[in-house]
Amino acid sequence: MSSPLAGSAGPSSVVPILGPVRSTKARTGAPNVTQTYSQLSQVVRESGMLGRARWFYAIVMGALVVALGGAITGFILLGDSWFQLLIAGALGLIFTQIAFITHEASHRAVLESGPANDRLGRILAAGVVGISYAWWMTKHTRHHANPNKVGKDPDIDFDTISFTEESAAKQKGVIAWITRRQGYLFFPLLLLEGLNLHVTSVRTLFAKRRIDGRGLELSLIAVRFAIYFGVIFWVLPLGMAFAFIGVQLAVFGVYMGASFAPNHKGMPIIPADAKLDFFSKQVLTSRNISGGWWATTLMGGLNYQVEHHLFPSMPRPHLAKAREIVREHCRTLEVPYTETTLVQSYGIVIRYLNRVGLAARDPFDCPMVNRFRRV
């Protein structure tokens, strides 16, 4: 069995096992990694990269409003036509781009104040995309606090996919069959992720605990789905309406999953009892995607995952500049900084999930054993 912190195998990715991570100070000779992060933060702050980028977000949101208006216009003009599936696919892309803005609002990166960002995020998440902002905030805050840490990061909890060998080994029956092939099935399973996001977030709003904005979110989601489904089933024949919804949800799920998966999947898994400083924890578990502005546009800034985790409130247009500073800082400390292409990252994710999935093998799957197994 590989080390729990054995990482990805990309050409530009070198990830240490847990021992060297724990002994960063001894290995690099740095007096205090926490102190060096404070110094890095000061440089970033003095460079103005934590300041708001009002015009950028105004332009992006304006473009998304135009795109959404164009999709609605196309839907009305096409009427009863199978070309409506193109509109459905376009809506899946637009909703994902709006979800990227929601993600940034949750990190206080869009507007000046926290309450203003929360209002914007709640309206966009619940009223436009159709998912719970409170659910996302809770889940994503836990992820940022302990990325890829067993028992702490909800993003590596079992949900059809197993991200640790211990989780894979527990699966039985049909789920075990899926787990053994989960790398190859990862992208097909993402076709259902859009539906899963809607159902899970709405179900969370009915949980018996205090949830900020529960009533408002339920109202926004109810109105959103009433209008959305009402118009679709009013304009389109029954079969076409279901196909439209299916395509939209499938595109939304694949786009969301394909944008978030490269960031941490296949990077080191931190054992529950491990203690890491903030800087090492965030850098060693995160992977950047190369490509510059086109990758930033495609992934909503998630391509600069290392910088995003070190400075969550940093606006999207400043991440590229921060990357140069962070890379140099990592080079000085001899802390591995992982960056690879989008295609290579998907290969790493698939190989990693398949390797983890082997823990779900039936011990009698060995061909030699099968020859002598009694029927």
Protein backbone atom coordinates (compact mmCIF):
# COMPACT_ATOMS: atom_id res chain seq x y z
CA MET A 1 0.00 0.00 0.00
CA SER A 2 1.34 3.44 -0.89
CA SER A 3 1.96 6.13 1.69
CA PRO A 4 -1.17 8.07 2.63
CA LEU A 5 0.56 11.17 1.37
CA ALA A 6 1.88 9.71 -1.86
CA GLY A 7 0.75 12.17 -4.45
CA SER A 8 0.24 12.77 -8.12
CA ALA A 9 2.52 11.64 -10.86
CA GLY A 10 2.43 14.53 -13.28
CA PRO A 11 5.59 15.67 -15.03
CA SER A 12 5.62 18.99 -13.15
CA SER A 13 4.38 17.58 -9.87
CA VAL A 14 6.66 16.40 -7.08
CA VAL A 15 4.81 15.64 -3.87
CA PRO A 16 6.63 14.44 -0.74
CA ILE A 17 5.46 11.78 1.66
CA LEU A 18 4.27 12.78 5.10
CA GLY A 19 7.66 12.61 6.84
CA PRO A 20 9.31 15.43 4.87
CA VAL A 21 6.13 17.51 5.11
CA ARG A 22 6.22 17.30 8.90
CA SER A 23 9.87 18.30 8.97
CA THR A 24 9.76 21.25 6.58
CA LYS A 25 11.74 23.47 8.94
CA ALA A 26 14.53 20.94 9.35
CA ARG A 27 14.65 20.13 5.66
CA THR A 28 14.72 23.70 4.37
CA GLY A 29 16.53 25.39 7.21
CA ALA A 30 13.72 27.97 7.41
CA PRO A 31 13.48 29.40 10.93
CA ASN A 32 9.68 29.42 11.00
CA VAL A 33 7.33 28.57 8.14
CA THR A 34 4.46 30.41 9.81
CA GLN A 35 6.62 33.51 10.04
CA THR A 36 7.54 33.28 6.36
CA TYR A 37 3.83 33.07 5.46
CA SER A 38 3.24 36.27 7.42
CA GLN A 39 6.01 37.90 5.42
CA LEU A 40 4.50 36.59 2.16
CA SER A 41 1.09 37.95 3.18
CA GLN A 42 2.60 41.35 3.87
CA VAL A 43 4.21 41.46 0.42
CA VAL A 44 0.93 40.48 -1.23
CA ARG A 45 -1.04 43.02 0.80
CA GLU A 46 1.41 45.84 0.09
CA SER A 47 1.27 44.99 -3.62
CA GLY A 48 -2.47 45.74 -3.56
CA MET A 49 -3.50 42.26 -4.69
CA LEU A 50 -6.08 41.89 -1.93
CA GLY A 51 -7.93 45.02 -3.07
CA ARG A 52 -11.32 44.67 -4.78
CA ALA A 53 -11.61 44.46 -8.58
CA ARG A 54 -14.98 46.16 -9.09
CA TRP A 55 -14.75 46.73 -12.82
CA PHE A 56 -13.68 43.16 -13.52
CA TYR A 57 -16.65 41.63 -11.74
CA ALA A 58 -19.01 44.24 -13.17
CA ILE A 59 -17.90 43.28 -16.69
CA VAL A 60 -18.07 39.53 -16.01
CA MET A 61 -21.52 39.73 -14.45
CA GLY A 62 -22.69 42.00 -17.25
CA ALA A 63 -21.46 39.48 -19.81
CA LEU A 64 -23.26 36.66 -17.96
CA VAL A 65 -26.50 38.67 -17.90
CA VAL A 66 -26.19 39.19 -21.67
CA ALA A 67 -25.44 35.48 -22.19
CA LEU A 68 -28.41 34.45 -20.05
CA GLY A 69 -30.63 36.90 -21.90
CA GLY A 70 -29.42 35.48 -25.20
CA ALA A 71 -30.18 31.93 -24.08
CA ILE A 72 -33.69 32.93 -23.00
CA THR A 73 -34.26 34.72 -26.31
CA GLY A 74 -33.02 31.69 -28.23
CA PHE A 75 -35.33 29.45 -26.21
CA ILE A 76 -38.36 31.60 -27.08
CA LEU A 77 -37.48 31.86 -30.78
CA LEU A 78 -36.73 28.16 -31.26
CA GLY A 79 -39.99 26.95 -29.73
CA ASP A 80 -40.79 23.28 -30.32
CA SER A 81 -37.43 22.20 -31.75
CA TRP A 82 -34.74 19.71 -30.78
CA PHE A 83 -32.24 22.52 -31.29
CA GLN A 84 -33.41 23.55 -27.83
CA LEU A 85 -30.88 21.07 -26.49
CA LEU A 86 -28.18 23.52 -27.58
CA ILE A 87 -29.83 26.14 -25.40
CA ALA A 88 -29.92 23.63 -22.56
CA GLY A 89 -26.18 23.04 -22.92
CA ALA A 90 -25.55 26.78 -23.02
CA LEU A 91 -27.54 27.23 -19.81
CA GLY A 92 -25.40 24.56 -18.14
CA LEU A 93 -22.30 26.56 -19.01
CA ILE A 94 -23.83 29.88 -17.93
CA PHE A 95 -25.05 28.53 -14.60
CA THR A 96 -21.56 27.18 -13.90
CA GLN A 97 -19.98 30.54 -14.64
CA ILE A 98 -22.48 32.16 -12.28
CA ALA A 99 -21.56 29.53 -9.68
CA PHE A 100 -17.92 30.67 -10.03
CA ILE A 101 -18.99 34.22 -9.09
CA THR A 102 -20.97 32.78 -6.17
CA HIS A 103 -17.85 30.93 -5.02
CA GLU A 104 -15.83 34.14 -5.09
CA ALA A 105 -18.57 36.05 -3.26
CA SER A 106 -18.48 33.42 -0.51
CA HIS A 107 -14.79 34.29 -0.07
CA ARG A 108 -15.53 38.04 0.12
CA ALA A 109 -13.65 38.59 -3.14
CA VAL A 110 -16.32 40.42 -5.15
CA LEU A 111 -17.79 43.27 -3.08
CA GLU A 112 -16.40 45.36 -0.25
CA SER A 113 -18.24 44.03 2.80
CA GLY A 114 -19.01 40.52 4.04
CA PRO A 115 -22.80 41.07 4.24
CA ALA A 116 -22.88 42.48 0.70
CA ASN A 117 -20.97 39.46 -0.63
CA ASP A 118 -23.32 37.12 1.23
CA ARG A 119 -26.39 38.82 -0.23
CA LEU A 120 -24.97 38.60 -3.73
CA GLY A 121 -23.88 34.99 -3.24
CA ARG A 122 -27.25 33.94 -1.82
CA ILE A 123 -29.20 35.55 -4.67
CA LEU A 124 -26.96 34.03 -7.35
CA ALA A 125 -26.73 30.57 -5.74
CA ALA A 126 -30.35 30.06 -4.70
CA GLY A 127 -32.17 32.38 -7.08
CA VAL A 128 -30.25 31.74 -10.31
CA VAL A 129 -28.24 28.50 -10.02
CA GLY A 130 -30.70 26.73 -7.70
CA ILE A 131 -28.37 25.52 -4.94
CA SER A 132 -28.11 26.50 -1.28
CA TYR A 133 -25.59 29.21 -0.45
CA ALA A 134 -25.61 28.26 3.25
CA TRP A 135 -24.84 24.63 2.37
CA TRP A 136 -22.00 25.70 0.09
CA MET A 137 -20.55 28.09 2.68
CA THR A 138 -20.51 25.44 5.41
CA LYS A 139 -19.04 22.76 3.20
CA HIS A 140 -16.47 24.95 1.46
CA THR A 141 -15.29 26.67 4.64
CA ARG A 142 -14.48 23.27 6.15
CA HIS A 143 -12.61 22.33 2.98
CA HIS A 144 -10.45 25.45 3.04
CA ALA A 145 -9.61 24.97 6.71
CA ASN A 146 -8.32 21.42 6.17
CA PRO A 147 -7.90 20.54 2.47
CA ASN A 148 -7.52 16.81 1.82
CA LYS A 149 -7.40 16.01 5.55
CA VAL A 150 -9.13 12.78 6.56
CA GLY A 151 -12.16 13.41 8.73
CA LYS A 152 -12.00 17.17 8.25
CA ASP A 153 -12.38 17.90 4.53
CA PRO A 154 -15.94 17.13 3.32
CA ASP A 155 -14.69 17.11 -0.28
CA ILE A 156 -12.97 13.75 0.31
CA ASP A 157 -15.88 12.18 2.19
CA PHE A 158 -17.43 9.21 0.41
CA ASP A 159 -20.18 10.15 -2.06
CA THR A 160 -20.28 7.36 -4.69
CA ILE A 161 -16.55 8.06 -5.21
CA SER A 162 -13.97 6.91 -2.64
CA PHE A 163 -10.97 9.20 -2.18
CA THR A 164 -9.07 7.06 0.33
CA GLU A 165 -8.20 3.38 0.33
CA GLU A 166 -9.88 2.96 3.72
CA SER A 167 -13.15 4.25 2.27
CA ALA A 168 -12.83 2.08 -0.84
CA ALA A 169 -12.23 -1.05 1.23
CA LYS A 170 -15.57 -0.56 3.02
CA GLN A 171 -17.70 -0.59 -0.12
CA LYS A 172 -19.88 -3.59 -0.94
CA GLY A 173 -22.01 -4.84 -3.80
CA VAL A 174 -22.72 -2.53 -6.73
CA ILE A 175 -20.89 0.38 -5.07
CA ALA A 176 -17.76 -1.79 -4.73
CA TRP A 177 -18.03 -2.62 -8.46
CA ILE A 178 -18.21 1.12 -9.24
CA THR A 179 -15.36 1.88 -6.83
CA ARG A 180 -13.02 -0.57 -8.53
CA ARG A 181 -13.54 1.33 -11.79
CA GLN A 182 -14.18 4.78 -10.35
CA GLY A 183 -11.37 6.49 -12.24
CA TYR A 184 -12.79 5.49 -15.59
CA LEU A 185 -16.33 6.18 -14.41
CA PHE A 186 -15.49 9.56 -12.89
CA PHE A 187 -16.55 11.72 -15.83
CA PRO A 188 -19.65 9.64 -16.68
CA LEU A 189 -20.70 9.95 -13.02
CA LEU A 190 -20.34 13.72 -13.28
CA LEU A 191 -23.33 13.65 -15.64
CA LEU A 192 -25.40 13.16 -12.46
CA GLU A 193 -23.46 15.65 -10.33
CA GLY A 194 -25.70 18.57 -11.28
CA LEU A 195 -28.75 16.76 -9.96
CA ASN A 196 -26.78 15.69 -6.88
CA LEU A 197 -25.79 19.28 -6.09
CA HIS A 198 -29.39 20.47 -6.25
CA VAL A 199 -30.80 17.61 -4.20
CA THR A 200 -28.06 17.62 -1.54
CA SER A 201 -28.14 21.37 -0.99
CA VAL A 202 -31.95 21.54 -0.78
CA ARG A 203 -32.06 18.55 1.57
CA THR A 204 -29.57 20.33 3.82
CA LEU A 205 -31.95 23.28 4.13
CA PHE A 206 -34.48 20.97 5.80
CA ALA A 207 -31.98 19.76 8.42
CA LYS A 208 -32.97 20.19 12.07
CA ARG A 209 -30.35 22.77 12.97
CA ARG A 210 -29.89 26.49 12.70
CA ILE A 211 -29.20 27.60 9.12
CA ASP A 212 -28.68 31.26 8.28
CA GLY A 213 -31.04 32.47 5.57
CA ARG A 214 -32.95 29.18 5.41
CA GLY A 215 -36.34 30.78 4.69
CA LEU A 216 -34.99 33.14 2.04
CA GLU A 217 -33.04 30.42 0.28
CA LEU A 218 -35.97 28.00 0.21
CA SER A 219 -38.17 30.76 -1.19
CA LEU A 220 -35.64 31.72 -3.86
CA ILE A 221 -35.05 28.11 -4.88
CA ALA A 222 -38.79 27.39 -5.01
CA VAL A 223 -39.48 30.44 -7.19
CA ARG A 224 -36.51 29.65 -9.40
CA PHE A 225 -37.58 26.07 -10.06
CA ALA A 226 -41.26 27.00 -10.44
CA ILE A 227 -40.45 29.51 -13.17
CA TYR A 228 -37.75 27.36 -14.78
CA PHE A 229 -39.73 24.12 -14.96
CA GLY A 230 -43.00 25.93 -15.61
CA VAL A 231 -41.68 27.67 -18.72
CA ILE A 232 -39.92 24.55 -20.04
CA PHE A 233 -42.96 22.28 -19.71
CA TRP A 234 -45.25 25.00 -21.06
CA VAL A 235 -43.19 25.65 -24.21
CA LEU A 236 -41.84 22.18 -24.99
CA PRO A 237 -43.48 18.77 -25.49
CA LEU A 238 -43.12 16.45 -22.48
CA GLY A 239 -40.27 14.30 -23.86
CA MET A 240 -38.34 17.28 -25.16
CA ALA A 241 -38.81 19.10 -21.85
CA PHE A 242 -37.27 16.21 -19.91
CA ALA A 243 -34.43 15.99 -22.45
CA PHE A 244 -33.81 19.73 -22.07
CA ILE A 245 -33.59 19.49 -18.29
CA GLY A 246 -31.39 16.39 -18.53
CA VAL A 247 -28.90 18.05 -20.88
CA GLN A 248 -28.76 21.23 -18.80
CA LEU A 249 -28.11 19.31 -15.57
CA ALA A 250 -25.56 17.04 -17.26
CA VAL A 251 -23.55 19.94 -18.70
CA PHE A 252 -23.74 21.79 -15.39
CA GLY A 253 -22.55 18.73 -13.45
CA VAL A 254 -19.68 17.87 -15.78
CA TYR A 255 -18.50 21.48 -16.02
CA MET A 256 -18.61 21.97 -12.24
CA GLY A 257 -16.90 18.66 -11.51
CA ALA A 258 -14.30 19.07 -14.24
CA SER A 259 -13.43 22.54 -12.87
CA PHE A 260 -13.10 21.59 -9.20
CA ALA A 261 -11.62 18.06 -9.53
CA PRO A 262 -8.13 19.05 -10.81
CA ASN A 263 -7.53 21.27 -7.78
CA HIS A 264 -6.94 18.62 -5.09
CA LYS A 265 -7.80 15.14 -6.36
CA GLY A 266 -4.64 13.07 -6.63
CA MET A 267 -2.75 15.42 -4.35
CA PRO A 268 -1.54 14.31 -0.89
CA ILE A 269 -4.11 13.04 1.59
CA ILE A 270 -3.28 14.26 5.11
CA PRO A 271 -3.93 11.70 7.88
CA ALA A 272 -6.36 12.71 10.61
CA ASP A 273 -3.63 12.91 13.27
CA ALA A 274 -1.13 14.92 11.19
CA LYS A 275 -0.17 18.46 12.17
CA LEU A 276 0.87 20.84 9.40
CA ASP A 277 1.40 24.59 9.37
CA PHE A 278 -1.07 26.63 7.30
CA PHE A 279 1.32 27.39 4.45
CA SER A 280 2.51 23.80 3.91
CA LYS A 281 -1.00 22.41 4.29
CA GLN A 282 -2.44 24.69 1.61
CA VAL A 283 0.44 24.46 -0.89
CA LEU A 284 1.15 20.73 -0.71
CA THR A 285 -2.50 19.72 -1.21
CA SER A 286 -3.29 22.12 -4.07
CA ARG A 287 -2.58 21.91 -7.79
CA ASN A 288 -2.48 24.80 -10.26
CA ILE A 289 -3.53 24.46 -13.89
CA SER A 290 -1.36 26.19 -16.48
CA GLY A 291 -2.83 28.08 -19.42
CA GLY A 292 -3.03 31.71 -18.35
CA TRP A 293 -6.06 33.81 -19.18
CA TRP A 294 -7.96 31.10 -21.08
CA ALA A 295 -7.71 28.69 -18.14
CA THR A 296 -8.80 31.50 -15.80
CA THR A 297 -11.83 32.19 -17.99
CA LEU A 298 -12.70 28.52 -18.33
CA MET A 299 -12.28 27.68 -14.64
CA GLY A 300 -13.32 30.92 -12.98
CA GLY A 301 -9.91 31.42 -11.38
CA LEU A 302 -9.79 27.92 -9.91
CA ASN A 303 -6.71 27.27 -12.04
CA TYR A 304 -4.73 29.30 -9.47
CA GLN A 305 -5.68 26.95 -6.65
CA VAL A 306 -2.48 27.38 -4.62
CA GLU A 307 -2.86 31.15 -4.49
CA HIS A 308 -6.60 30.89 -3.89
CA HIS A 309 -6.03 28.68 -0.85
CA LEU A 310 -3.33 30.93 0.55
CA PHE A 311 -5.37 34.09 -0.06
CA PRO A 312 -9.06 33.09 -0.41
CA SER A 313 -10.34 36.68 -0.58
CA MET A 314 -8.04 37.64 -3.46
CA PRO A 315 -10.03 38.72 -6.55
CA ARG A 316 -9.64 36.61 -9.66
CA PRO A 317 -7.65 39.10 -11.81
CA HIS A 318 -4.90 39.36 -9.16
CA LEU A 319 -4.19 35.65 -8.85
CA ALA A 320 -1.81 35.47 -11.82
CA LYS A 321 0.47 38.15 -10.34
CA ALA A 322 0.34 36.47 -6.92
CA ARG A 323 1.41 33.21 -8.56
CA GLU A 324 4.83 34.65 -9.41
CA ILE A 325 5.41 35.76 -5.82
CA VAL A 326 4.19 32.47 -4.33
CA ARG A 327 6.27 30.35 -6.72
CA GLU A 328 9.40 32.26 -5.77
CA HIS A 329 8.55 31.93 -2.09
CA CYS A 330 8.10 28.16 -2.47
CA ARG A 331 11.38 27.92 -4.38
CA THR A 332 13.17 29.72 -1.56
CA LEU A 333 11.68 27.41 1.08
CA GLU A 334 12.13 24.33 -1.15
CA VAL A 335 8.43 23.58 -0.77
CA PRO A 336 7.04 21.73 -3.84
CA TYR A 337 4.75 23.89 -5.96
CA THR A 338 2.51 21.81 -8.22
CA GLU A 339 1.33 23.02 -11.61
CA THR A 340 0.34 21.00 -14.65
CA THR A 341 -1.86 21.20 -17.72
CA LEU A 342 -5.60 20.61 -17.58
CA VAL A 343 -5.38 17.40 -19.61
CA GLN A 344 -2.51 16.07 -17.51
CA SER A 345 -4.44 16.86 -14.33
CA TYR A 346 -7.38 14.76 -15.52
CA GLY A 347 -5.02 11.88 -16.19
CA ILE A 348 -3.61 12.21 -12.68
CA VAL A 349 -7.13 12.25 -11.18
CA ILE A 350 -8.22 9.16 -13.13
CA ARG A 351 -5.10 7.19 -12.22
CA TYR A 352 -5.38 8.20 -8.58
CA LEU A 353 -9.05 7.21 -8.30
CA ASN A 354 -8.37 3.86 -9.98
CA ARG A 355 -5.46 3.22 -7.63
CA VAL A 356 -7.63 4.00 -4.60
CA GLY A 357 -10.43 1.88 -6.04
CA LEU A 358 -8.23 -1.23 -6.03
CA ALA A 359 -8.84 -1.41 -2.28
CA ALA A 360 -12.42 -2.45 -3.09
CA ARG A 361 -11.27 -5.55 -4.96
CA ASP A 362 -12.74 -8.91 -4.09
CA PRO A 363 -9.78 -10.89 -2.65
CA PHE A 364 -10.82 -13.75 -4.95
CA ASP A 365 -10.57 -11.62 -8.09
CA CYS A 366 -7.08 -12.97 -8.75
CA PRO A 367 -7.25 -15.06 -11.98
CA MET A 368 -5.05 -17.81 -10.48
CA VAL A 369 -7.31 -18.05 -7.43
CA ASN A 370 -10.39 -18.12 -9.64
CA ARG A 371 -9.04 -21.17 -11.49
CA PHE A 372 -9.07 -23.20 -8.31
CA ARG A 373 -12.14 -21.68 -6.66
CA ARG A 374 -14.84 -24.28 -6.05
CA VAL A 375 -18.22 -23.48 -7.60
